[in-house]
Structure formats: structure tokens, C-alpha cells
Amino acid sequence: MTSKDSLYFIVTEKPEHPGHIKAGSICHISQYKHRSEVKRCGSPSKLAVTPFGSHTALTYEIDPGHMQALSAEEAALLLALPEDTERLKWLREGAALRAAPGLTEGTSVTVEEGGEELRGVIRYVGRLTRPKYPDPLSGTFFGIELQGADRGKGNTNGSYQYETFFSCPKDCGIFAPFSRVKPLVASSLSPSVPEPSLRPQTEELTLGDRVTYFISDKCRHGMVMDVQDKNGQHFVRISTDKDENGKTGGEVSIPLEFVVKGEVPAETESMDIDTPPVEANADDPYMGLSVNSLVEVTLAEGNSYGIIRWIGALTDQGKIMAGLELEEDRGVSDGTFKSERIFSCPPRRALFVKLSSCRPDSRFQSISANHSEEMPKQEDTERETEQGAGKPETVPPVGTEQVDQILTGRMKGIQGHCNSCYMDAALFSLFSCSSVLDSMLFKSTAPQDAPIQKTLLHDIVNPLRSKGFVEGRHIMKLRQQLQKHGYSHSFTTEEKDPEEFLIVIMHHILALDPLLKLLAAGKVQESYCYQIFLDQNHSLVLPTVQQLLEHSFHSAGLKLVEVPSCLILQMPRFGKKFKMFDKIIPSLELDITDLLSEGPQQCILCGGLAEEQCADCFKDPVFSQTGFKVFCKTCSSQVHSHPQRRSHQPAALDIPKGYLGRSIPHTLTRDKLELFAVLCIETSHYVSFIKYGPNSEDWIFFDSMADRQGEIDGFNIPEVHACPEVGTYLEMSPAELASQVPRDMKGVAKRLFCDAYMYLYQSTSMCLYR
């Protein structure tokens, strides 16, 4: 049910029944049910409505005379208020609620915070959380970027929980309900809102601000170094981009009245932007660039990349200018020009330049000016790969010390394109920092499959490890090759499951030996991935991966024939929505000693040679933190002498020859696998976490579509960033971790613990590079 399918009411008088519903509660009813009630009895004496926040679909009959109808917009605004009494108060006051729709993005406002009225600009209007069933909508909040002297008095950078709604410097943003927000200047939309005492319209200059200053009717640019008071007159000391002689560098002291905050395009200076070395086209001097085109410009400090957010004329001279939102903080404003809002972006990301100074982003040369895909033809790609034949280049995975230098940052990782996130996340996880499956890159393969192997090695794995970045066109090339080979007619357009892609590559294309050999009922089964299934009688609430694997093996009667080089585990979830557990604790190591079909096992109590295994004890909570319940005969006898366990039926273990009648050392070598990557999925989008070093904080997070602003051009901006907060949660006790509210978890940790789809483990002894 959507917000448009419902009618909304606020309870204005507390009903006698039910007693828990108070005046100020907001309720909803589907339009279909409401029409049915009206059709059935004309004017119903009771309406069966559902209160917001009830977490159930239960309805309660309330007299319509005790309720007032609301629009969906009014209901969402009032839902942002935390208390029922407060909602009723602001409903009856009326003026602020009526004025709230006029508070739009870009409006200058004051916001009440901690007893102060702070000045700011609205950057976001909308929900902060998704509606929880059965509620059809959630509260509307205002995201405000504080301005001037009030910067730094906020509590956010534009993010709430793990989602970013707008961008601003740390502690320069506030999320607030309409009741705490007033327009800086009263308008016709808010006739009853008193005009606040206005602050100066010109923001104060602070150290580091980019400014334009005027000398002899020419404007130049620089950065504020200091603001000085000389005999009652204010001067600004500026570090200049170019001095009055046109030379780079230097300092000047300019009267404040000749200095403008921000950067005004200067005809004589051309904004320190070199004319791009691109052959002009008389029919199209701007190379097809338009709003939302991805472009690059050459500044004094080198090339900068961004997106065109605006095109037009800024001065009377009529020059066609472009407003760019840059990828890095190399700009001069947040999208304002001479205090006028042209577009919105984070501070120091906006730059106004001549449109002729822009050129298409060289990193996306496979995209034409009309934004269509210009991928190489299949025959050309395979011929190109064949020309690169010869001795395969060997690039080792990115080492622990190199991760920050090579892998992290924007435009790092694998570039997402056209539903490719499942493949991007899988390839990044397998090859960025691990070599456990590098054998598939070099093994001999069938001639018809060699181009796919070469694409994987030369165009994807090697660039990822050497430069930290793979262009989206190379992933599309691989998808085209797979589609041409007939494995799926939708490899180039539709999203797949990672395991489907991995099995096609490992089994059908490269004929890699199966990674897993499982013994079940005396028969050996082979596979590449293992899906964890649990029986209905499990007692797990906040499981570790170790516990999930043990329970799954036990319930299916499985054993490992040998230690796998790589173990790919799919979590117990069905499809992309249903998860069996709210959280899963990553096991940084998997102890598989007791899962092997051969080799001695240790008694879980005394460490001696295990001779019996008890399936009934496996579910006994006393042993919930141990592995398979195996005992020596002495310990087994003692354990099963307890009245509650006398009905258990322990079974004899197969003891390897050479160990019969012998004791085993307490320091028996355990067979363990280490975690190196986790794939996660939330709302049909795959991301991945990489465990790249020995410390608990050595984690990075990869999203192939971290910035989807370029989707109109067909490609996205990937990003890899450190996420040391994961280590903080891994060091918590299970009780502490269980108490963590997912939406309040720091950084991206929630996605690892709550959205895990696939865990990847490796045998350290079988990696090519360690």
C-alpha cells in the first residue's frame, strides 16, 4: 500500500476505547476500505483505522467526530514530530503547518537548535527513514546547511544513520521538523510567520575562503589569508592566483568593499583554465556537452573532473558558461554566484567556467555525445585481445601496505554500468587483495574460451591491481563475450546473482576443478559454492558464520573430503528480501577441523582423541559455543550420565588408521580458513567488504555505483573507502552486538552485519602470493 492509496486522520479527542490511543495520534485507512464503509452505511459512526507506529496491521474503531482529516503531506510533516501532544499543538496553531510546503530546497531559513536560532539554507526535504510496515509513509524532515557564523553548530554532514541526503562539512548540517524551521524572509506562503531579526546578507569572510577581488576594473581570484582592521577600515589579505602583472602567486591587501566571496568568471584570467587540446567542430563547438554531461577541465593544479549542473550566461557579455560540480574540493562555492543560487552542491565543489573550456571526461571515452553506448564490436574486442597474446603478465594482488595508495578513493574499484553490480562486487572481492583463485587466470583453456580468460586477466584483474580502477567498458566487454557464448541472453542488460556468474566463469568457461568436495551418505559431491540451510529446530539467534556452517553440515549429514582452497558460502536468505537472521557475526577464521571426513578429532572437553559424536548434544545449549559435539569415551560417559542426556544416542566415529589406541597431543594442528571478502545486498544492489590486513580495523568497502549522478551518461562513479568502524563491532561481545540498532551503527558497518549475502574464505597455504 502506498501513501496515495490511504486516507489520514489525526485524533483530536482521546477515544474511550481503545485506551492506548491518545489525542495527537495519527492514523490511516486504505481508500478502498473507506469507500466500502461509506457505501455500506453512508456516514459510518466508527472508522476502522490503523495508528502509525503500531508495527501490526490491527485496526481500531474510532468515532470520526474524534478525528480530523489530513492530507498525505500534512500527515508526513506532523509525523516528524516525536510527541502526540506536540502534533496536536502545531495542528491547532496552523500557520506553520500551512507555511511548511513553501519551505523548498534553496530557501534561506532559521532553524531552532539548542535554544538558538541558527541561519541556514534548506538542502533537502523528505523522509529520513523508510516507512515500517504497515505504515504507508514516514515523517518529512528538512535538511539544513548552516551558514556564516553558525557553521559548525550542527550535528551532521548531511547523513542520517547510513544514508546521505545532502553533503556539507562536518557539523554544518541539521535535520529538523517544520516546527523548528522558519523562512529568513516572510513570504506570501507564510503570512502569519513573523519576520525574524535579519542578519547581514553578506556572509563574513573566513580564513581559506575563495574570493574575487577587483583592481583597475579587472577581477582576479585568490584565497583569504586574513581580515585586518586598519584605522577603522577593513582590508582582506589575499593569496593570489595571479598578481597584477599576470604572474602566478603572491599576496595583496584589498579593501573589503572590493572583495566578493566566491569566484566570478574573469575574462582576462580565464579562471586559470587552459583551452582543451580538442579539435574544434564548427557545427558543434561545445562537442555535444549539455547539463549532466561528465566533463574535465584543466586547472592550474591539473585536470579536474565533474558534472555540468547548469549552462547559461552569468554576465552581460553573454559568454556561455557552465556550472560544474567537481568530484573534489577544488571549487569556489556551493553553487552560488554573487550570492545568487544557480544550483546546489557541497561547499567548494562548484566552479563556473566557459563551456568552451570543458571537454568530455577522458575516463568515459566509450560514451558518445548523445549519451549512447559505443562499445567495441565483439569481433574487434576479441581481435584486440588476441593481439595482446604472449606471456601473461603477472600482477600480484594489492598488499596491505598498498591498499590506501592504490585502491581507496573515488573512481577506484570497478566502474558500475547497466546492472553490473553483481559482477563488479564479485570480481573485486575475488581478485583485489587475494590470489586464491589466480590459477583460473593462467590455466590452459579451450581456444574458444581463451578471449574471455584474457579479458579477465588483461582488462580487469591487472588494471585493478596495478591502478586500482577498471573502466565499465571492460566489464561490458566481458558480459558481451559471455552472452555471445550463449550462457545467458541477458548478461549485458539484467542483474544476475553472483553465484550464477561465478559458476559460469569457473565451471563452464575455464573448467576450474570444483572448489568443494563434500561427503554425503558415503558419496562424494562436488560444487563451487555452498548454500547454508538450517533445520527448523535450530536455536540460533545471533549466529556466527562458524555456527551457521556447523549447523548446516550437521543437519545435512555432510563432511568435507579435503580442505578447500576457497570456500564460498551463501547465507541463509531467500531472494533479495527475506533474511533468516537480522544480524550475522563474521567469523574471521573458520575452523573446519571437525568438518573433515578424515583425520583425528579432539574431544571438546579434554582435548584427547575423540571416539564418539552425539547428534542430540549438538542442539544442547550447554555446548552452543563449541563445534561438533565429539567426545572421548570417558568424557562421553560422564556427559551422558546427566539425567537430561541419558536418552541421547552417541555414535562411534571413524578413527583414522594409526591413531587407534593412541592419544593425540593437545596442540593438534587445526585446519582453518581465513575470511577475505563479504558480498552484501540491499534493495537489489550488491556491494563488497574486503578484509585486507591482520588488524581488526583493516577493512575497505567497495561500491561500484557510489555516485549515480552520471547515470544519464550511462556510467557511474565507483568508490572504495576504509571502514575501520567494522573492527569496533567485531570486538563487541555477542550481547553488546545484539543490542545495536542497525540504523544507528556507524559508517557502513550495518551493511556488513545485516545484509551479508556471500562470505569468501581462503586457505592461506594455497594462495600464490602471501
Foldseek 3Di string as FASTA:
>chain_A
DALVQKWKKFFQCQDPPPNVDHGLWMWIDGPVQVVVVCVVPNQDQWDFTGTAPPLDPHTDTDGCVRIDTDRSQLVQLLLQDDDSVVSNVCVVVPLLSQLVVVQDFQFWKWFDDPNDTFTWTFHDWADQDAGRPPDNGHHIKTKTFTDAPCAQCAAAQQHFQAGHGAGEDHRRIYIGRSVGIDGCADDPSRVPDDHDDHDDLAHDADFFAKKWFDDPNFIFIFTFHDWDADPNWIWTKTFGCADPVRHGTDIDIGTPVRMHTFDDQTPVNQQQWDQDPDDADPVCRLQLDDFLAWKWIAHPVGIWIFGFHDWFDDDPVGFIKTKTQTPDLCHRAQQADSSHHPDGHYGSRIHIGGSSRIDHDPLPVQFHSVLDGNADDLVVLLVVLVVVDDPADDFAAAALVCCVVAAFDWQFQEWDFQQCQLVSALLCLDARQFQLPVCLLPDDFDPLLVSLSSLCRVQPRVCCRPRRHHYNSSVLSNQVSLVVVPPDVCSNHHHDHNVSVVCCSQPVRSNHFFQFWKAAPNDTDGHNAEEFDADPPAPDAAEEVQLSVQRRCLVRVMATQDDGQKYKYFAPADPQPGHPYQFYFYDQKHFRQVRHLADFDAQPPPGKTFFKFWSVCCRPVVCSPDGGHTHHPVVVVVVCVPPVNVPTDIDTHDHDPPCVPHIDDSPPDTQMWGWAKFWFHDPSGIWMKGQRDDDLQRIKIKHSAPDCSSVSSRIHMIGIDGDSLLSVLSPDDPVVNVPDDLSNRPHCNSRVTRGTGMIMIGRPVSTPPD
